[in-house]
C-alpha atoms as a PDB file:
ATOM      1  CA  MET A   1      17.319 -20.115  -9.538  1.00  0.00           C
ATOM      2  CA  ARG A   2      20.093 -17.672 -10.364  1.00  0.00           C
ATOM      3  CA  ALA A   3      19.356 -13.963 -10.862  1.00  0.00           C
ATOM      4  CA  GLN A   4      19.035 -12.964 -14.499  1.00  0.00           C
ATOM      5  CA  ARG A   5      22.388 -11.571 -15.624  1.00  0.00           C
ATOM      6  CA  LEU A   6      22.675  -8.959 -18.347  1.00  0.00           C
ATOM      7  CA  GLU A   7      25.842  -7.736 -20.017  1.00  0.00           C
ATOM      8  CA  ARG A   8      27.127  -4.190 -19.498  1.00  0.00           C
ATOM      9  CA  ASP A   9      30.304  -2.421 -20.570  1.00  0.00           C
ATOM     10  CA  SER A  10      32.053  -3.276 -17.290  1.00  0.00           C
ATOM     11  CA  GLY A  11      30.739  -6.848 -17.066  1.00  0.00           C
ATOM     12  CA  ALA A  12      27.609  -8.652 -15.930  1.00  0.00           C
ATOM     13  CA  VAL A  13      25.010  -6.874 -13.796  1.00  0.00           C
ATOM     14  CA  THR A  14      21.876  -8.210 -12.145  1.00  0.00           C
ATOM     15  CA  GLU A  15      18.515  -6.578 -12.695  1.00  0.00           C
ATOM     16  CA  ALA A  16      18.553  -5.303  -9.096  1.00  0.00           C
ATOM     17  CA  GLU A  17      21.818  -3.441  -9.786  1.00  0.00           C
ATOM     18  CA  ARG A  18      20.299  -1.360 -12.588  1.00  0.00           C
ATOM     19  CA  PRO A  19      19.192   2.238 -11.993  1.00  0.00           C
ATOM     20  CA  VAL A  20      15.524   2.450 -10.938  1.00  0.00           C
ATOM     21  CA  TYR A  21      14.556   4.262 -14.179  1.00  0.00           C
ATOM     22  CA  GLU A  22      15.501   1.165 -16.222  1.00  0.00           C
ATOM     23  CA  ARG A  23      15.067  -1.621 -13.652  1.00  0.00           C
ATOM     24  CA  LEU A  24      12.419  -4.283 -14.278  1.00  0.00           C
ATOM     25  CA  SER A  25      12.065  -6.072 -10.955  1.00  0.00           C
ATOM     26  CA  ILE A  26       9.768  -8.652 -12.566  1.00  0.00           C
ATOM     27  CA  PHE A  27      13.021 -10.417 -13.517  1.00  0.00           C
ATOM     28  CA  ASP A  28      14.182 -10.577  -9.862  1.00  0.00           C
ATOM     29  CA  ARG A  29      11.645 -13.240  -8.934  1.00  0.00           C
ATOM     30  CA  PRO A  30      11.999 -16.919  -9.854  1.00  0.00           C
ATOM     31  CA  GLN A  31      10.054 -18.255 -12.810  1.00  0.00           C
ATOM     32  CA  VAL A  32       6.817 -20.060 -11.914  1.00  0.00           C
ATOM     33  CA  GLU A  33       4.691 -22.426 -13.988  1.00  0.00           C
ATOM     34  CA  GLY A  34       2.312 -19.720 -15.260  1.00  0.00           C
ATOM     35  CA  ASP A  35       5.165 -17.591 -16.639  1.00  0.00           C
ATOM     36  CA  VAL A  36       5.515 -19.593 -19.860  1.00  0.00           C
ATOM     37  CA  PRO A  37       2.757 -19.004 -22.435  1.00  0.00           C
ATOM     38  CA  PRO A  38       0.597 -22.144 -22.715  1.00  0.00           C
ATOM     39  CA  ASP A  39      -0.613 -21.005 -26.134  1.00  0.00           C
ATOM     40  CA  PRO A  40      -0.148 -23.704 -28.829  1.00  0.00           C
ATOM     41  CA  GLU A  41      -0.023 -21.070 -31.600  1.00  0.00           C
ATOM     42  CA  PRO A  42       3.181 -21.652 -33.673  1.00  0.00           C
ATOM     43  CA  SER A  43       4.207 -17.983 -33.496  1.00  0.00           C
ATOM     44  CA  VAL A  44       4.015 -18.106 -29.681  1.00  0.00           C
ATOM     45  CA  LYS A  45       6.084 -21.309 -29.588  1.00  0.00           C
ATOM     46  CA  ARG A  46       8.704 -19.581 -31.805  1.00  0.00           C
ATOM     47  CA  TRP A  47       8.740 -16.569 -29.444  1.00  0.00           C
ATOM     48  CA  VAL A  48       9.496 -18.903 -26.519  1.00  0.00           C
ATOM     49  CA  ASP A  49      12.025 -20.962 -28.492  1.00  0.00           C
ATOM     50  CA  VAL A  50      14.134 -17.963 -29.555  1.00  0.00           C
ATOM     51  CA  ALA A  51      14.435 -16.555 -26.027  1.00  0.00           C
ATOM     52  CA  ASP A  52      18.085 -16.259 -24.985  1.00  0.00           C
ATOM     53  CA  ASP A  53      17.064 -17.924 -21.709  1.00  0.00           C
ATOM     54  CA  PRO A  54      13.531 -19.409 -21.683  1.00  0.00           C
ATOM     55  CA  SER A  55      13.748 -19.614 -17.880  1.00  0.00           C
ATOM     56  CA  ALA A  56      13.750 -15.782 -17.850  1.00  0.00           C
ATOM     57  CA  ILE A  57      10.223 -15.465 -19.361  1.00  0.00           C
ATOM     58  CA  ARG A  58       7.752 -13.845 -16.965  1.00  0.00           C
ATOM     59  CA  LEU A  59       3.992 -13.249 -17.073  1.00  0.00           C
ATOM     60  CA  GLY A  60       3.637  -9.609 -16.116  1.00  0.00           C
ATOM     61  CA  LEU A  61      -0.103  -9.112 -16.327  1.00  0.00           C
ATOM     62  CA  GLU A  62      -3.250 -11.124 -16.846  1.00  0.00           C
ATOM     63  CA  HIS A  63      -6.431  -9.045 -17.067  1.00  0.00           C
ATOM     64  CA  ALA A  64      -9.708  -9.300 -18.980  1.00  0.00           C
ATOM     65  CA  GLN A  65      -8.460 -12.264 -21.065  1.00  0.00           C
ATOM     66  CA  THR A  66      -5.258 -10.402 -21.997  1.00  0.00           C
ATOM     67  CA  ARG A  67      -1.818 -11.648 -20.961  1.00  0.00           C
ATOM     68  CA  ILE A  68       1.469  -9.752 -21.273  1.00  0.00           C
ATOM     69  CA  TYR A  69       4.743 -11.711 -21.115  1.00  0.00           C
ATOM     70  CA  LEU A  70       8.273 -10.262 -20.914  1.00  0.00           C
ATOM     71  CA  VAL A  71      11.728 -11.670 -21.485  1.00  0.00           C
ATOM     72  CA  PRO A  72      15.141  -9.951 -21.589  1.00  0.00           C
ATOM     73  CA  ARG A  73      17.052 -10.517 -24.805  1.00  0.00           C
ATOM     74  CA  ASN A  74      20.688  -9.925 -25.738  1.00  0.00           C
ATOM     75  CA  ASP A  75      22.116  -7.201 -23.520  1.00  0.00           C
ATOM     76  CA  ASP A  76      19.551  -4.427 -23.099  1.00  0.00           C
ATOM     77  CA  GLN A  77      16.664  -5.622 -25.275  1.00  0.00           C
ATOM     78  CA  ILE A  78      13.248  -6.415 -23.790  1.00  0.00           C
ATOM     79  CA  SER A  79      10.776  -8.549 -25.697  1.00  0.00           C
ATOM     80  CA  MET A  80       7.036  -8.392 -25.026  1.00  0.00           C
ATOM     81  CA  LEU A  81       4.370 -10.891 -26.076  1.00  0.00           C
ATOM     82  CA  VAL A  82       0.697  -9.923 -25.812  1.00  0.00           C
ATOM     83  CA  ARG A  83      -2.082 -12.506 -26.132  1.00  0.00           C
ATOM     84  CA  ASP A  84      -5.825 -11.820 -26.086  1.00  0.00           C
ATOM     85  CA  PRO A  85      -8.927 -13.502 -27.528  1.00  0.00           C
ATOM     86  CA  GLY A  86      -8.451 -11.628 -30.811  1.00  0.00           C
ATOM     87  CA  GLY A  87      -4.866 -12.812 -31.308  1.00  0.00           C
ATOM     88  CA  GLY A  88      -1.811 -10.971 -30.165  1.00  0.00           C
ATOM     89  CA  SER A  89       1.475  -9.396 -31.044  1.00  0.00           C
ATOM     90  CA  ALA A  90       5.150  -9.438 -30.139  1.00  0.00           C
ATOM     91  CA  SER A  91       7.816  -6.762 -30.166  1.00  0.00           C
ATOM     92  CA  THR A  92      11.393  -6.291 -29.042  1.00  0.00           C
ATOM     93  CA  GLY A  93      13.116  -3.027 -28.275  1.00  0.00           C
ATOM     94  CA  PRO A  94      15.931  -1.463 -26.293  1.00  0.00           C
ATOM     95  CA  ARG A  95      15.668  -0.154 -22.743  1.00  0.00           C
ATOM     96  CA  SER A  96      16.673   3.225 -24.157  1.00  0.00           C
ATOM     97  CA  GLY A  97      12.972   3.608 -24.944  1.00  0.00           C
ATOM     98  CA  PHE A  98      12.438   4.077 -21.208  1.00  0.00           C
ATOM     99  CA  ASP A  99      14.716   7.102 -21.263  1.00  0.00           C
ATOM    100  CA  ALA A 100      13.164   8.565 -24.413  1.00  0.00           C
ATOM    101  CA  HIS A 101       9.484   7.828 -23.678  1.00  0.00           C
ATOM    102  CA  GLY A 102       9.290   6.618 -20.062  1.00  0.00           C
ATOM    103  CA  ALA A 103       7.748   3.358 -21.296  1.00  0.00           C
ATOM    104  CA  LYS A 104       7.895   0.825 -24.100  1.00  0.00           C
ATOM    105  CA  PHE A 105       4.359   0.658 -25.417  1.00  0.00           C
ATOM    106  CA  SER A 106       2.235  -0.497 -28.312  1.00  0.00           C
ATOM    107  CA  MET A 107      -1.409  -0.223 -29.231  1.00  0.00           C
ATOM    108  CA  ARG A 108      -3.942  -1.717 -31.537  1.00  0.00           C
ATOM    109  CA  GLN A 109      -7.595  -1.386 -32.308  1.00  0.00           C
ATOM    110  CA  VAL A 110      -9.814  -4.273 -31.241  1.00  0.00           C
ATOM    111  CA  SER A 111     -13.479  -3.912 -32.245  1.00  0.00           C
ATOM    112  CA  ASP A 112     -14.639  -0.505 -31.056  1.00  0.00           C
ATOM    113  CA  GLU A 113     -11.796   0.250 -28.621  1.00  0.00           C
ATOM    114  CA  TRP A 114      -8.032   0.696 -28.509  1.00  0.00           C
ATOM    115  CA  LEU A 115      -5.752  -1.463 -26.375  1.00  0.00           C
ATOM    116  CA  VAL A 116      -2.665   0.366 -25.143  1.00  0.00           C
ATOM    117  CA  TYR A 117      -0.158  -1.919 -23.421  1.00  0.00           C
ATOM    118  CA  GLY A 118       3.476  -2.001 -22.539  1.00  0.00           C
ATOM    119  CA  VAL A 119       6.408  -2.150 -20.160  1.00  0.00           C
ATOM    120  CA  VAL A 120       7.439   0.400 -17.541  1.00  0.00           C
ATOM    121  CA  PRO A 121      10.458   0.480 -15.224  1.00  0.00           C
ATOM    122  CA  ASP A 122      10.178   0.248 -11.431  1.00  0.00           C
ATOM    123  CA  HIS A 123       9.883   3.979 -10.763  1.00  0.00           C
ATOM    124  CA  VAL A 124       6.521   4.149 -12.603  1.00  0.00           C
ATOM    125  CA  ARG A 125       3.674   3.944 -10.064  1.00  0.00           C
ATOM    126  CA  GLY A 126       0.709   4.520 -12.366  1.00  0.00           C
ATOM    127  CA  VAL A 127      -0.302   4.909 -16.017  1.00  0.00           C
ATOM    128  CA  ARG A 128      -3.229   6.874 -17.474  1.00  0.00           C
ATOM    129  CA  VAL A 129      -4.146   6.893 -21.141  1.00  0.00           C
ATOM    130  CA  ASP A 130      -6.323   9.859 -22.136  1.00  0.00           C
ATOM    131  CA  GLY A 131      -7.547  10.075 -18.542  1.00  0.00           C
ATOM    132  CA  SER A 132      -8.321   6.335 -18.180  1.00  0.00           C
ATOM    133  CA  ASP A 133      -6.349   4.477 -15.516  1.00  0.00           C
ATOM    134  CA  ALA A 134      -4.405   1.506 -16.832  1.00  0.00           C
ATOM    135  CA  VAL A 135      -4.083  -1.792 -14.996  1.00  0.00           C
ATOM    136  CA  LEU A 136      -0.468  -1.896 -13.817  1.00  0.00           C
ATOM    137  CA  ALA A 137       1.240  -5.073 -12.595  1.00  0.00           C
ATOM    138  CA  SER A 138       4.809  -6.373 -12.519  1.00  0.00           C
ATOM    139  CA  ASN A 139       6.293  -3.732 -14.848  1.00  0.00           C
ATOM    140  CA  THR A 140       3.474  -4.135 -17.408  1.00  0.00           C
ATOM    141  CA  PHE A 141       0.295  -2.170 -18.079  1.00  0.00           C
ATOM    142  CA  LEU A 142      -2.922  -2.396 -20.081  1.00  0.00           C
ATOM    143  CA  ALA A 143      -5.475   0.319 -20.839  1.00  0.00           C
ATOM    144  CA  ARG A 144      -8.620   0.266 -22.961  1.00  0.00           C
ATOM    145  CA  VAL A 145      -9.849   3.528 -24.467  1.00  0.00           C
ATOM    146  CA  PRO A 146     -12.747   4.203 -26.873  1.00  0.00           C
ATOM    147  CA  HIS A 147     -10.672   6.141 -29.456  1.00  0.00           C
ATOM    148  CA  HIS A 148      -7.131   6.418 -30.773  1.00  0.00           C
ATOM    149  CA  PRO A 149      -5.236   7.773 -27.740  1.00  0.00           C
ATOM    150  CA  LYS A 150      -3.538  11.158 -27.755  1.00  0.00           C
ATOM    151  CA  ARG A 151      -1.396  10.980 -24.617  1.00  0.00           C
ATOM    152  CA  MET A 152      -0.222   8.812 -21.792  1.00  0.00           C
ATOM    153  CA  VAL A 153       0.650  10.114 -18.314  1.00  0.00           C
ATOM    154  CA  LEU A 154       3.118   8.165 -16.216  1.00  0.00           C
ATOM    155  CA  THR A 155       3.035   8.699 -12.456  1.00  0.00           C
ATOM    156  CA  LEU A 156       6.635   8.382 -11.283  1.00  0.00           C
ATOM    157  CA  THR A 157       8.135   8.190  -7.816  1.00  0.00           C
ATOM    158  CA  ASP A 158       9.162  11.852  -8.261  1.00  0.00           C
ATOM    159  CA  GLY A 159       6.327  13.403 -10.323  1.00  0.00           C
ATOM    160  CA  GLU A 160       4.552  12.855 -13.616  1.00  0.00           C
ATOM    161  CA  ARG A 161       5.646  12.538 -17.224  1.00  0.00           C
ATOM    162  CA  THR A 162       3.328  13.115 -20.172  1.00  0.00           C
ATOM    163  CA  VAL A 163       4.028  11.218 -23.371  1.00  0.00           C
ATOM    164  CA  GLY A 164       2.338  12.332 -26.584  1.00  0.00           C
ATOM    165  CA  ILE A 165       1.022   9.645 -28.901  1.00  0.00           C
ATOM    166  CA  PRO A 166       1.205  10.551 -32.600  1.00  0.00           C
ATOM    167  CA  PRO A 167      -2.028  10.477 -34.624  1.00  0.00           C
ATOM    168  CA  LEU A 168      -2.715   7.657 -37.025  1.00  0.00           C
ATOM    169  CA  ALA A 169      -0.910   7.967 -40.326  1.00  0.00           C
ATOM    170  CA  ARG A 170      -3.295   8.612 -43.168  1.00  0.00           C
ATOM    171  CA  LEU A 171      -2.814   7.131 -46.588  1.00  0.00           C
ATOM    172  CA  PRO A 172      -3.075   9.551 -49.486  1.00  0.00           C
ATOM    173  CA  ASP A 173      -6.439   9.548 -51.223  1.00  0.00           C
ATOM    174  CA  SER A 174      -6.414   7.785 -54.536  1.00  0.00           C
ATOM    175  CA  ASP A 175      -8.561   9.498 -57.125  1.00  0.00           C
END
């Protein structure tokens, strides 16, 4: 299978040619059967169908009944699909988020805990959310914490980076 090619100003570049702080080596390996979501949910089928190259979809992490899939989209966009017993979500964003935040991440409350999950480039060696170690595999991570998280610490090949997580927005009281 050919290496995933992405467009750059000076022409096409493979994932391996990207700088380590934006490289996602998950896309260097060939697609295997388990990389495509088997979920029959229509929204998941649409997510697969609109991929620029469905053969580029990769399963990054499967842990505690949660699966995180990634696919590159037009130029420097990365799309993430998360599936768990309670449902799931999908998002797409630019790699520039790696520069600004060190990671592309999302979170949601499930029952009495918060799931914090996302994508990190190759130079990230570990992720902690409010002191809890995340499961990290193939450029993806998943953490479960008992409250809305306040910060995430990324362990990089050359140190650490702390990322603040804004508090929940509160709606104005209606009297």
